[in-house]
Amino acid sequence: MPTRSTQRRPRRCRTEAINLEEVFRRFLVHGKVQGVFFRHSTRLEAERLAIRGIARNLPDGSVEVIARGTVPAMQELRVWLHRGPAQARVDAVQESDAGDLGSVPADFVIR
């Protein structure tokens, strides 16, 4: 018969609960990021991280990424966006809260 101690559920630590919280972020990626498969590569990375959102080219030559995902996934995406695919040259990444931008698709799309 199981003892009382083996019947207990493990306590969820506070950092685990925070890490499962979703965040909604907007990234503007500057540099040589158009015509180098940046949006496609971003979609693949976002899908790997279970992030939903949008990547689109902007008229000024930058790429806008609007993303929703867990805190750890968003941290990984942030690091990846600073590097980008091999063909890209990322000069700067601006990040802001995207809470006022509305909803995102159920998956990650390129526009």
PDB file of N, CA and C in Angstrom:
ATOM      1  N   MET A   1       0.839  -1.179   0.000  1.00  0.00           N
ATOM      2  CA  MET A   1       0.000   0.000   0.000  1.00  0.00           C
ATOM      3  C   MET A   1       0.885   1.244   0.000  1.00  0.00           C
ATOM      4  N   PRO A   2       0.567   2.223  -0.868  1.00  0.00           N
ATOM      5  CA  PRO A   2       1.409   3.423  -0.931  1.00  0.00           C
ATOM      6  C   PRO A   2       1.336   4.222   0.363  1.00  0.00           C
ATOM      7  N   THR A   3       2.446   4.763   0.710  1.00  0.00           N
ATOM      8  CA  THR A   3       2.469   5.613   1.894  1.00  0.00           C
ATOM      9  C   THR A   3       1.954   6.992   1.541  1.00  0.00           C
ATOM     10  N   ARG A   4       1.636   7.718   2.551  1.00  0.00           N
ATOM     11  CA  ARG A   4       1.102   9.064   2.341  1.00  0.00           C
ATOM     12  C   ARG A   4       2.074   9.935   1.533  1.00  0.00           C
ATOM     13  N   SER A   5       3.365   9.805   1.766  1.00  0.00           N
ATOM     14  CA  SER A   5       4.334  10.645   1.069  1.00  0.00           C
ATOM     15  C   SER A   5       4.399  10.327  -0.425  1.00  0.00           C
ATOM     16  N   THR A   6       4.132   9.078  -0.825  1.00  0.00           N
ATOM     17  CA  THR A   6       4.171   8.752  -2.251  1.00  0.00           C
ATOM     18  C   THR A   6       2.880   9.152  -2.953  1.00  0.00           C
ATOM     19  N   GLN A   7       1.836   9.450  -2.195  1.00  0.00           N
ATOM     20  CA  GLN A   7       0.575   9.853  -2.793  1.00  0.00           C
ATOM     21  C   GLN A   7       0.524  11.355  -3.067  1.00  0.00           C
ATOM     22  N   ARG A   8       1.435  12.093  -2.511  1.00  0.00           N
ATOM     23  CA  ARG A   8       1.432  13.545  -2.702  1.00  0.00           C
ATOM     24  C   ARG A   8       1.838  13.903  -4.122  1.00  0.00           C
ATOM     25  N   ARG A   9       1.205  14.929  -4.602  1.00  0.00           N
ATOM     26  CA  ARG A   9       1.593  15.471  -5.905  1.00  0.00           C
ATOM     27  C   ARG A   9       2.775  16.406  -5.698  1.00  0.00           C
ATOM     28  N   PRO A  10       3.684  16.428  -6.660  1.00  0.00           N
ATOM     29  CA  PRO A  10       4.784  17.381  -6.506  1.00  0.00           C
ATOM     30  C   PRO A  10       4.247  18.807  -6.594  1.00  0.00           C
ATOM     31  N   ARG A  11       4.789  19.654  -5.770  1.00  0.00           N
ATOM     32  CA  ARG A  11       4.362  21.053  -5.787  1.00  0.00           C
ATOM     33  C   ARG A  11       4.943  21.734  -7.011  1.00  0.00           C
ATOM     34  N   ARG A  12       4.147  22.543  -7.611  1.00  0.00           N
ATOM     35  CA  ARG A  12       4.599  23.323  -8.757  1.00  0.00           C
ATOM     36  C   ARG A  12       5.262  24.584  -8.223  1.00  0.00           C
ATOM     37  N   CYS A  13       6.498  24.787  -8.597  1.00  0.00           N
ATOM     38  CA  CYS A  13       7.170  25.974  -8.094  1.00  0.00           C
ATOM     39  C   CYS A  13       6.668  27.205  -8.848  1.00  0.00           C
ATOM     40  N   ARG A  14       6.815  28.330  -8.235  1.00  0.00           N
ATOM     41  CA  ARG A  14       6.306  29.586  -8.798  1.00  0.00           C
ATOM     42  C   ARG A  14       6.916  29.895 -10.164  1.00  0.00           C
ATOM     43  N   THR A  15       8.197  29.600 -10.358  1.00  0.00           N
ATOM     44  CA  THR A  15       8.825  29.893 -11.652  1.00  0.00           C
ATOM     45  C   THR A  15       8.234  29.031 -12.755  1.00  0.00           C
ATOM     46  N   GLU A  16       7.820  27.795 -12.460  1.00  0.00           N
ATOM     47  CA  GLU A  16       7.173  26.964 -13.471  1.00  0.00           C
ATOM     48  C   GLU A  16       5.880  27.613 -13.928  1.00  0.00           C
ATOM     49  N   ALA A  17       5.087  28.110 -12.995  1.00  0.00           N
ATOM     50  CA  ALA A  17       3.817  28.746 -13.343  1.00  0.00           C
ATOM     51  C   ALA A  17       4.057  29.991 -14.193  1.00  0.00           C
ATOM     52  N   ILE A  18       5.060  30.768 -13.867  1.00  0.00           N
ATOM     53  CA  ILE A  18       5.376  31.959 -14.642  1.00  0.00           C
ATOM     54  C   ILE A  18       5.838  31.573 -16.041  1.00  0.00           C
ATOM     55  N   ASN A  19       6.645  30.519 -16.152  1.00  0.00           N
ATOM     56  CA  ASN A  19       7.152  30.086 -17.445  1.00  0.00           C
ATOM     57  C   ASN A  19       6.048  29.596 -18.372  1.00  0.00           C
ATOM     58  N   LEU A  20       4.934  29.116 -17.831  1.00  0.00           N
ATOM     59  CA  LEU A  20       3.840  28.634 -18.657  1.00  0.00           C
ATOM     60  C   LEU A  20       2.909  29.758 -19.089  1.00  0.00           C
ATOM     61  N   GLU A  21       3.086  30.923 -18.523  1.00  0.00           N
ATOM     62  CA  GLU A  21       2.292  32.082 -18.894  1.00  0.00           C
ATOM     63  C   GLU A  21       2.668  32.497 -20.316  1.00  0.00           C
ATOM     64  N   GLU A  22       1.659  32.893 -21.099  1.00  0.00           N
ATOM     65  CA  GLU A  22       1.927  33.345 -22.462  1.00  0.00           C
ATOM     66  C   GLU A  22       2.182  34.839 -22.493  1.00  0.00           C
ATOM     67  N   VAL A  23       3.076  35.226 -23.377  1.00  0.00           N
ATOM     68  CA  VAL A  23       3.358  36.634 -23.612  1.00  0.00           C
ATOM     69  C   VAL A  23       3.112  36.933 -25.078  1.00  0.00           C
ATOM     70  N   PHE A  24       2.856  38.190 -25.378  1.00  0.00           N
ATOM     71  CA  PHE A  24       2.515  38.657 -26.718  1.00  0.00           C
ATOM     72  C   PHE A  24       3.500  39.768 -27.061  1.00  0.00           C
ATOM     73  N   ARG A  25       4.412  39.512 -28.004  1.00  0.00           N
ATOM     74  CA  ARG A  25       5.507  40.447 -28.287  1.00  0.00           C
ATOM     75  C   ARG A  25       5.551  40.822 -29.765  1.00  0.00           C
ATOM     76  N   ARG A  26       6.100  42.013 -30.024  1.00  0.00           N
ATOM     77  CA  ARG A  26       6.338  42.494 -31.385  1.00  0.00           C
ATOM     78  C   ARG A  26       7.831  42.740 -31.527  1.00  0.00           C
ATOM     79  N   PHE A  27       8.418  42.181 -32.590  1.00  0.00           N
ATOM     80  CA  PHE A  27       9.834  42.365 -32.882  1.00  0.00           C
ATOM     81  C   PHE A  27       9.965  43.039 -34.245  1.00  0.00           C
ATOM     82  N   LEU A  28      10.839  44.022 -34.343  1.00  0.00           N
ATOM     83  CA  LEU A  28      11.223  44.619 -35.614  1.00  0.00           C
ATOM     84  C   LEU A  28      12.685  44.263 -35.833  1.00  0.00           C
ATOM     85  N   VAL A  29      12.947  43.524 -36.896  1.00  0.00           N
ATOM     86  CA  VAL A  29      14.295  43.032 -37.164  1.00  0.00           C
ATOM     87  C   VAL A  29      14.869  43.828 -38.335  1.00  0.00           C
ATOM     88  N   HIS A  30      16.014  44.488 -38.096  1.00  0.00           N
ATOM     89  CA  HIS A  30      16.652  45.335 -39.097  1.00  0.00           C
ATOM     90  C   HIS A  30      17.957  44.711 -39.573  1.00  0.00           C
ATOM     91  N   GLY A  31      18.299  44.989 -40.816  1.00  0.00           N
ATOM     92  CA  GLY A  31      19.531  44.486 -41.415  1.00  0.00           C
ATOM     93  C   GLY A  31      19.217  43.918 -42.780  1.00  0.00           C
ATOM     94  N   LYS A  32      20.011  42.962 -43.212  1.00  0.00           N
ATOM     95  CA  LYS A  32      19.733  42.262 -44.476  1.00  0.00           C
ATOM     96  C   LYS A  32      18.814  41.089 -44.130  1.00  0.00           C
ATOM     97  N   VAL A  33      17.518  41.388 -44.061  1.00  0.00           N
ATOM     98  CA  VAL A  33      16.555  40.385 -43.592  1.00  0.00           C
ATOM     99  C   VAL A  33      15.423  40.127 -44.593  1.00  0.00           C
ATOM    100  N   GLN A  34      15.480  40.770 -45.739  1.00  0.00           N
ATOM    101  CA  GLN A  34      14.504  40.479 -46.795  1.00  0.00           C
ATOM    102  C   GLN A  34      15.233  39.831 -47.961  1.00  0.00           C
ATOM    103  N   GLY A  35      14.575  38.831 -48.572  1.00  0.00           N
ATOM    104  CA  GLY A  35      15.178  38.125 -49.690  1.00  0.00           C
ATOM    105  C   GLY A  35      16.206  37.090 -49.270  1.00  0.00           C
ATOM    106  N   VAL A  36      16.220  36.724 -47.982  1.00  0.00           N
ATOM    107  CA  VAL A  36      17.200  35.749 -47.469  1.00  0.00           C
ATOM    108  C   VAL A  36      16.503  34.647 -46.660  1.00  0.00           C
ATOM    109  N   PHE A  37      15.230  34.414 -46.947  1.00  0.00           N
ATOM    110  CA  PHE A  37      14.435  33.378 -46.275  1.00  0.00           C
ATOM    111  C   PHE A  37      14.244  33.630 -44.784  1.00  0.00           C
ATOM    112  N   PHE A  38      14.301  34.905 -44.383  1.00  0.00           N
ATOM    113  CA  PHE A  38      14.163  35.227 -42.964  1.00  0.00           C
ATOM    114  C   PHE A  38      12.775  34.873 -42.441  1.00  0.00           C
ATOM    115  N   ARG A  39      11.718  35.265 -43.153  1.00  0.00           N
ATOM    116  CA  ARG A  39      10.356  34.982 -42.682  1.00  0.00           C
ATOM    117  C   ARG A  39      10.099  33.479 -42.643  1.00  0.00           C
ATOM    118  N   HIS A  40      10.524  32.767 -43.687  1.00  0.00           N
ATOM    119  CA  HIS A  40      10.329  31.315 -43.730  1.00  0.00           C
ATOM    120  C   HIS A  40      11.078  30.631 -42.578  1.00  0.00           C
ATOM    121  N   SER A  41      12.323  31.032 -42.366  1.00  0.00           N
ATOM    122  CA  SER A  41      13.116  30.456 -41.277  1.00  0.00           C
ATOM    123  C   SER A  41      12.518  30.799 -39.914  1.00  0.00           C
ATOM    124  N   THR A  42      11.975  32.005 -39.784  1.00  0.00           N
ATOM    125  CA  THR A  42      11.315  32.400 -38.541  1.00  0.00           C
ATOM    126  C   THR A  42      10.093  31.530 -38.285  1.00  0.00           C
ATOM    127  N   ARG A  43       9.336  31.246 -39.338  1.00  0.00           N
ATOM    128  CA  ARG A  43       8.160  30.376 -39.190  1.00  0.00           C
ATOM    129  C   ARG A  43       8.575  28.988 -38.710  1.00  0.00           C
ATOM    130  N   LEU A  44       9.624  28.433 -39.292  1.00  0.00           N
ATOM    131  CA  LEU A  44      10.097  27.104 -38.866  1.00  0.00           C
ATOM    132  C   LEU A  44      10.532  27.109 -37.403  1.00  0.00           C
ATOM    133  N   GLU A  45      11.243  28.158 -36.996  1.00  0.00           N
ATOM    134  CA  GLU A  45      11.695  28.269 -35.601  1.00  0.00           C
ATOM    135  C   GLU A  45      10.503  28.435 -34.670  1.00  0.00           C
ATOM    136  N   ALA A  46       9.543  29.261 -35.063  1.00  0.00           N
ATOM    137  CA  ALA A  46       8.342  29.473 -34.245  1.00  0.00           C
ATOM    138  C   ALA A  46       7.550  28.187 -34.102  1.00  0.00           C
ATOM    139  N   GLU A  47       7.414  27.430 -35.177  1.00  0.00           N
ATOM    140  CA  GLU A  47       6.700  26.156 -35.104  1.00  0.00           C
ATOM    141  C   GLU A  47       7.414  25.190 -34.170  1.00  0.00           C
ATOM    142  N   ARG A  48       8.742  25.164 -34.221  1.00  0.00           N
ATOM    143  CA  ARG A  48       9.521  24.299 -33.320  1.00  0.00           C
ATOM    144  C   ARG A  48       9.275  24.664 -31.867  1.00  0.00           C
ATOM    145  N   LEU A  49       9.067  25.971 -31.613  1.00  0.00           N
ATOM    146  CA  LEU A  49       8.877  26.467 -30.251  1.00  0.00           C
ATOM    147  C   LEU A  49       7.404  26.554 -29.840  1.00  0.00           C
ATOM    148  N   ALA A  50       6.497  26.135 -30.712  1.00  0.00           N
ATOM    149  CA  ALA A  50       5.045  26.208 -30.460  1.00  0.00           C
ATOM    150  C   ALA A  50       4.589  27.649 -30.235  1.00  0.00           C
ATOM    151  N   ILE A  51       5.116  28.555 -31.044  1.00  0.00           N
ATOM    152  CA  ILE A  51       4.743  29.965 -30.991  1.00  0.00           C
ATOM    153  C   ILE A  51       3.795  30.257 -32.145  1.00  0.00           C
ATOM    154  N   ARG A  52       2.750  31.020 -31.854  1.00  0.00           N
ATOM    155  CA  ARG A  52       1.805  31.458 -32.877  1.00  0.00           C
ATOM    156  C   ARG A  52       2.140  32.887 -33.266  1.00  0.00           C
ATOM    157  N   GLY A  53       1.820  33.260 -34.511  1.00  0.00           N
ATOM    158  CA  GLY A  53       2.064  34.646 -34.880  1.00  0.00           C
ATOM    159  C   GLY A  53       2.164  34.887 -36.362  1.00  0.00           C
ATOM    160  N   ILE A  54       2.848  35.983 -36.688  1.00  0.00           N
ATOM    161  CA  ILE A  54       2.938  36.479 -38.060  1.00  0.00           C
ATOM    162  C   ILE A  54       4.347  37.027 -38.285  1.00  0.00           C
ATOM    163  N   ALA A  55       4.867  36.803 -39.485  1.00  0.00           N
ATOM    164  CA  ALA A  55       6.096  37.467 -39.919  1.00  0.00           C
ATOM    165  C   ALA A  55       5.794  38.144 -41.248  1.00  0.00           C
ATOM    166  N   ARG A  56       6.169  39.418 -41.364  1.00  0.00           N
ATOM    167  CA  ARG A  56       5.913  40.128 -42.627  1.00  0.00           C
ATOM    168  C   ARG A  56       7.020  41.131 -42.914  1.00  0.00           C
ATOM    169  N   ASN A  57       7.271  41.320 -44.228  1.00  0.00           N
ATOM    170  CA  ASN A  57       8.217  42.337 -44.678  1.00  0.00           C
ATOM    171  C   ASN A  57       7.577  43.704 -44.533  1.00  0.00           C
ATOM    172  N   LEU A  58       8.371  44.677 -44.148  1.00  0.00           N
ATOM    173  CA  LEU A  58       7.913  46.060 -44.079  1.00  0.00           C
ATOM    174  C   LEU A  58       8.583  46.871 -45.191  1.00  0.00           C
ATOM    175  N   PRO A  59       7.947  47.965 -45.609  1.00  0.00           N
ATOM    176  CA  PRO A  59       8.489  48.770 -46.716  1.00  0.00           C
ATOM    177  C   PRO A  59       9.906  49.307 -46.475  1.00  0.00           C
ATOM    178  N   ASP A  60      10.292  49.487 -45.218  1.00  0.00           N
ATOM    179  CA  ASP A  60      11.633  50.034 -44.932  1.00  0.00           C
ATOM    180  C   ASP A  60      12.745  48.982 -45.002  1.00  0.00           C
ATOM    181  N   GLY A  61      12.407  47.737 -45.365  1.00  0.00           N
ATOM    182  CA  GLY A  61      13.401  46.670 -45.482  1.00  0.00           C
ATOM    183  C   GLY A  61      13.538  45.802 -44.251  1.00  0.00           C
ATOM    184  N   SER A  62      12.818  46.118 -43.197  1.00  0.00           N
ATOM    185  CA  SER A  62      12.866  45.310 -41.973  1.00  0.00           C
ATOM    186  C   SER A  62      11.798  44.222 -42.034  1.00  0.00           C
ATOM    187  N   VAL A  63      11.829  43.336 -41.061  1.00  0.00           N
ATOM    188  CA  VAL A  63      10.819  42.291 -40.912  1.00  0.00           C
ATOM    189  C   VAL A  63      10.147  42.482 -39.561  1.00  0.00           C
ATOM    190  N   GLU A  64       8.825  42.445 -39.568  1.00  0.00           N
ATOM    191  CA  GLU A  64       8.039  42.531 -38.334  1.00  0.00           C
ATOM    192  C   GLU A  64       7.606  41.123 -37.952  1.00  0.00           C
ATOM    193  N   VAL A  65       7.814  40.767 -36.695  1.00  0.00           N
ATOM    194  CA  VAL A  65       7.378  39.481 -36.155  1.00  0.00           C
ATOM    195  C   VAL A  65       6.477  39.777 -34.968  1.00  0.00           C
ATOM    196  N   ILE A  66       5.249  39.304 -35.055  1.00  0.00           N
ATOM    197  CA  ILE A  66       4.309  39.415 -33.944  1.00  0.00           C
ATOM    198  C   ILE A  66       4.097  37.998 -33.446  1.00  0.00           C
ATOM    199  N   ALA A  67       4.352  37.767 -32.165  1.00  0.00           N
ATOM    200  CA  ALA A  67       4.381  36.393 -31.663  1.00  0.00           C
ATOM    201  C   ALA A  67       3.728  36.260 -30.299  1.00  0.00           C
ATOM    202  N   ARG A  68       3.093  35.110 -30.101  1.00  0.00           N
ATOM    203  CA  ARG A  68       2.498  34.768 -28.812  1.00  0.00           C
ATOM    204  C   ARG A  68       2.985  33.367 -28.438  1.00  0.00           C
ATOM    205  N   GLY A  69       3.528  33.256 -27.214  1.00  0.00           N
ATOM    206  CA  GLY A  69       4.018  31.969 -26.746  1.00  0.00           C
ATOM    207  C   GLY A  69       4.422  32.046 -25.291  1.00  0.00           C
ATOM    208  N   THR A  70       4.924  30.940 -24.768  1.00  0.00           N
ATOM    209  CA  THR A  70       5.344  30.900 -23.370  1.00  0.00           C
ATOM    210  C   THR A  70       6.626  31.716 -23.190  1.00  0.00           C
ATOM    211  N   VAL A  71       6.895  32.076 -21.957  1.00  0.00           N
ATOM    212  CA  VAL A  71       8.077  32.878 -21.652  1.00  0.00           C
ATOM    213  C   VAL A  71       9.357  32.188 -22.130  1.00  0.00           C
ATOM    214  N   PRO A  72       9.579  30.893 -21.829  1.00  0.00           N
ATOM    215  CA  PRO A  72      10.829  30.268 -22.295  1.00  0.00           C
ATOM    216  C   PRO A  72      10.910  30.198 -23.825  1.00  0.00           C
ATOM    217  N   ALA A  73       9.787  29.920 -24.480  1.00  0.00           N
ATOM    218  CA  ALA A  73       9.789  29.856 -25.945  1.00  0.00           C
ATOM    219  C   ALA A  73      10.101  31.224 -26.535  1.00  0.00           C
ATOM    220  N   MET A  74       9.535  32.266 -25.955  1.00  0.00           N
ATOM    221  CA  MET A  74       9.775  33.616 -26.459  1.00  0.00           C
ATOM    222  C   MET A  74      11.228  34.024 -26.242  1.00  0.00           C
ATOM    223  N   GLN A  75      11.835  33.574 -25.148  1.00  0.00           N
ATOM    224  CA  GLN A  75      13.244  33.867 -24.910  1.00  0.00           C
ATOM    225  C   GLN A  75      14.111  33.221 -25.991  1.00  0.00           C
ATOM    226  N   GLU A  76      13.763  31.988 -26.371  1.00  0.00           N
ATOM    227  CA  GLU A  76      14.510  31.302 -27.429  1.00  0.00           C
ATOM    228  C   GLU A  76      14.315  31.993 -28.773  1.00  0.00           C
ATOM    229  N   LEU A  77      13.078  32.406 -29.067  1.00  0.00           N
ATOM    230  CA  LEU A  77      12.821  33.106 -30.323  1.00  0.00           C
ATOM    231  C   LEU A  77      13.607  34.418 -30.365  1.00  0.00           C
ATOM    232  N   ARG A  78      13.626  35.138 -29.259  1.00  0.00           N
ATOM    233  CA  ARG A  78      14.368  36.409 -29.180  1.00  0.00           C
ATOM    234  C   ARG A  78      15.839  36.195 -29.541  1.00  0.00           C
ATOM    235  N   VAL A  79      16.453  35.181 -28.964  1.00  0.00           N
ATOM    236  CA  VAL A  79      17.862  34.878 -29.257  1.00  0.00           C
ATOM    237  C   VAL A  79      18.019  34.537 -30.736  1.00  0.00           C
ATOM    238  N   TRP A  80      17.110  33.722 -31.263  1.00  0.00           N
ATOM    239  CA  TRP A  80      17.190  33.322 -32.664  1.00  0.00           C
ATOM    240  C   TRP A  80      17.035  34.527 -33.594  1.00  0.00           C
ATOM    241  N   LEU A  81      16.117  35.435 -33.296  1.00  0.00           N
ATOM    242  CA  LEU A  81      15.907  36.609 -34.147  1.00  0.00           C
ATOM    243  C   LEU A  81      17.144  37.491 -34.219  1.00  0.00           C
ATOM    244  N   HIS A  82      17.929  37.538 -33.178  1.00  0.00           N
ATOM    245  CA  HIS A  82      19.166  38.320 -33.204  1.00  0.00           C
ATOM    246  C   HIS A  82      20.209  37.678 -34.126  1.00  0.00           C
ATOM    247  N   ARG A  83      20.062  36.409 -34.401  1.00  0.00           N
ATOM    248  CA  ARG A  83      21.001  35.685 -35.254  1.00  0.00           C
ATOM    249  C   ARG A  83      20.423  35.501 -36.652  1.00  0.00           C
ATOM    250  N   GLY A  84      19.192  34.989 -36.741  1.00  0.00           N
ATOM    251  CA  GLY A  84      18.539  34.750 -38.022  1.00  0.00           C
ATOM    252  C   GLY A  84      19.160  33.594 -38.784  1.00  0.00           C
ATOM    253  N   PRO A  85      18.670  33.362 -40.009  1.00  0.00           N
ATOM    254  CA  PRO A  85      19.242  32.292 -40.832  1.00  0.00           C
ATOM    255  C   PRO A  85      20.632  32.686 -41.349  1.00  0.00           C
ATOM    256  N   ALA A  86      21.347  31.715 -41.884  1.00  0.00           N
ATOM    257  CA  ALA A  86      22.736  31.937 -42.316  1.00  0.00           C
ATOM    258  C   ALA A  86      22.875  33.050 -43.349  1.00  0.00           C
ATOM    259  N   GLN A  87      21.895  33.208 -44.231  1.00  0.00           N
ATOM    260  CA  GLN A  87      21.994  34.195 -45.307  1.00  0.00           C
ATOM    261  C   GLN A  87      21.733  35.625 -44.825  1.00  0.00           C
ATOM    262  N   ALA A  88      21.155  35.774 -43.644  1.00  0.00           N
ATOM    263  CA  ALA A  88      20.759  37.093 -43.140  1.00  0.00           C
ATOM    264  C   ALA A  88      21.905  37.777 -42.400  1.00  0.00           C
ATOM    265  N   ARG A  89      21.765  39.090 -42.269  1.00  0.00           N
ATOM    266  CA  ARG A  89      22.653  39.876 -41.411  1.00  0.00           C
ATOM    267  C   ARG A  89      21.749  40.741 -40.538  1.00  0.00           C
ATOM    268  N   VAL A  90      21.664  40.417 -39.279  1.00  0.00           N
ATOM    269  CA  VAL A  90      20.794  41.157 -38.362  1.00  0.00           C
ATOM    270  C   VAL A  90      21.618  42.261 -37.707  1.00  0.00           C
ATOM    271  N   ASP A  91      21.177  43.506 -37.928  1.00  0.00           N
ATOM    272  CA  ASP A  91      21.862  44.651 -37.334  1.00  0.00           C
ATOM    273  C   ASP A  91      21.253  45.054 -35.993  1.00  0.00           C
ATOM    274  N   ALA A  92      19.930  44.923 -35.885  1.00  0.00           N
ATOM    275  CA  ALA A  92      19.252  45.334 -34.651  1.00  0.00           C
ATOM    276  C   ALA A  92      17.894  44.655 -34.566  1.00  0.00           C
ATOM    277  N   VAL A  93      17.459  44.420 -33.337  1.00  0.00           N
ATOM    278  CA  VAL A  93      16.118  43.884 -33.078  1.00  0.00           C
ATOM    279  C   VAL A  93      15.480  44.763 -32.017  1.00  0.00           C
ATOM    280  N   GLN A  94      14.349  45.350 -32.367  1.00  0.00           N
ATOM    281  CA  GLN A  94      13.577  46.132 -31.404  1.00  0.00           C
ATOM    282  C   GLN A  94      12.442  45.246 -30.914  1.00  0.00           C
ATOM    283  N   GLU A  95      12.171  45.283 -29.626  1.00  0.00           N
ATOM    284  CA  GLU A  95      11.119  44.449 -29.044  1.00  0.00           C
ATOM    285  C   GLU A  95      10.180  45.317 -28.228  1.00  0.00           C
ATOM    286  N   SER A  96       8.893  45.014 -28.336  1.00  0.00           N
ATOM    287  CA  SER A  96       7.898  45.728 -27.543  1.00  0.00           C
ATOM    288  C   SER A  96       6.729  44.805 -27.243  1.00  0.00           C
ATOM    289  N   ASP A  97       5.912  45.233 -26.299  1.00  0.00           N
ATOM    290  CA  ASP A  97       4.697  44.500 -25.968  1.00  0.00           C
ATOM    291  C   ASP A  97       3.732  44.621 -27.140  1.00  0.00           C
ATOM    292  N   ALA A  98       3.051  43.538 -27.472  1.00  0.00           N
ATOM    293  CA  ALA A  98       2.117  43.556 -28.602  1.00  0.00           C
ATOM    294  C   ALA A  98       0.674  43.435 -28.125  1.00  0.00           C
ATOM    295  N   GLY A  99       0.432  43.710 -26.866  1.00  0.00           N
ATOM    296  CA  GLY A  99      -0.898  43.553 -26.294  1.00  0.00           C
ATOM    297  C   GLY A  99      -1.989  44.334 -26.981  1.00  0.00           C
ATOM    298  N   ASP A 100      -1.645  45.444 -27.597  1.00  0.00           N
ATOM    299  CA  ASP A 100      -2.658  46.270 -28.238  1.00  0.00           C
ATOM    300  C   ASP A 100      -2.810  45.983 -29.730  1.00  0.00           C
ATOM    301  N   LEU A 101      -2.147  44.942 -30.230  1.00  0.00           N
ATOM    302  CA  LEU A 101      -2.192  44.642 -31.662  1.00  0.00           C
ATOM    303  C   LEU A 101      -3.270  43.633 -32.039  1.00  0.00           C
ATOM    304  N   GLY A 102      -4.070  43.200 -31.095  1.00  0.00           N
ATOM    305  CA  GLY A 102      -5.143  42.249 -31.395  1.00  0.00           C
ATOM    306  C   GLY A 102      -4.701  40.810 -31.276  1.00  0.00           C
ATOM    307  N   SER A 103      -5.362  39.940 -32.016  1.00  0.00           N
ATOM    308  CA  SER A 103      -5.097  38.507 -31.907  1.00  0.00           C
ATOM    309  C   SER A 103      -4.117  38.041 -32.978  1.00  0.00           C
ATOM    310  N   VAL A 104      -3.660  36.813 -32.822  1.00  0.00           N
ATOM    311  CA  VAL A 104      -2.779  36.189 -33.809  1.00  0.00           C
ATOM    312  C   VAL A 104      -3.449  34.923 -34.326  1.00  0.00           C
ATOM    313  N   PRO A 105      -3.012  34.427 -35.482  1.00  0.00           N
ATOM    314  CA  PRO A 105      -3.586  33.180 -36.009  1.00  0.00           C
ATOM    315  C   PRO A 105      -3.331  31.996 -35.074  1.00  0.00           C
ATOM    316  N   ALA A 106      -3.981  30.884 -35.355  1.00  0.00           N
ATOM    317  CA  ALA A 106      -3.821  29.676 -34.543  1.00  0.00           C
ATOM    318  C   ALA A 106      -2.468  29.027 -34.748  1.00  0.00           C
ATOM    319  N   ASP A 107      -1.754  29.407 -35.796  1.00  0.00           N
ATOM    320  CA  ASP A 107      -0.408  28.898 -36.044  1.00  0.00           C
ATOM    321  C   ASP A 107       0.492  30.070 -36.407  1.00  0.00           C
ATOM    322  N   PHE A 108       1.623  29.816 -37.032  1.00  0.00           N
ATOM    323  CA  PHE A 108       2.514  30.904 -37.425  1.00  0.00           C
ATOM    324  C   PHE A 108       2.443  31.062 -38.938  1.00  0.00           C
ATOM    325  N   VAL A 109       2.171  32.267 -39.407  1.00  0.00           N
ATOM    326  CA  VAL A 109       1.981  32.506 -40.838  1.00  0.00           C
ATOM    327  C   VAL A 109       2.930  33.587 -41.346  1.00  0.00           C
ATOM    328  N   ILE A 110       3.189  33.537 -42.652  1.00  0.00           N
ATOM    329  CA  ILE A 110       3.980  34.550 -43.339  1.00  0.00           C
ATOM    330  C   ILE A 110       3.020  35.410 -44.130  1.00  0.00           C
ATOM    331  N   ARG A 111       3.175  36.712 -44.019  1.00  0.00           N
ATOM    332  CA  ARG A 111       2.326  37.627 -44.784  1.00  0.00           C
ATOM    333  C   ARG A 111       3.176  38.525 -45.638  1.00  0.00           C
TER     334      ARG A 111
END
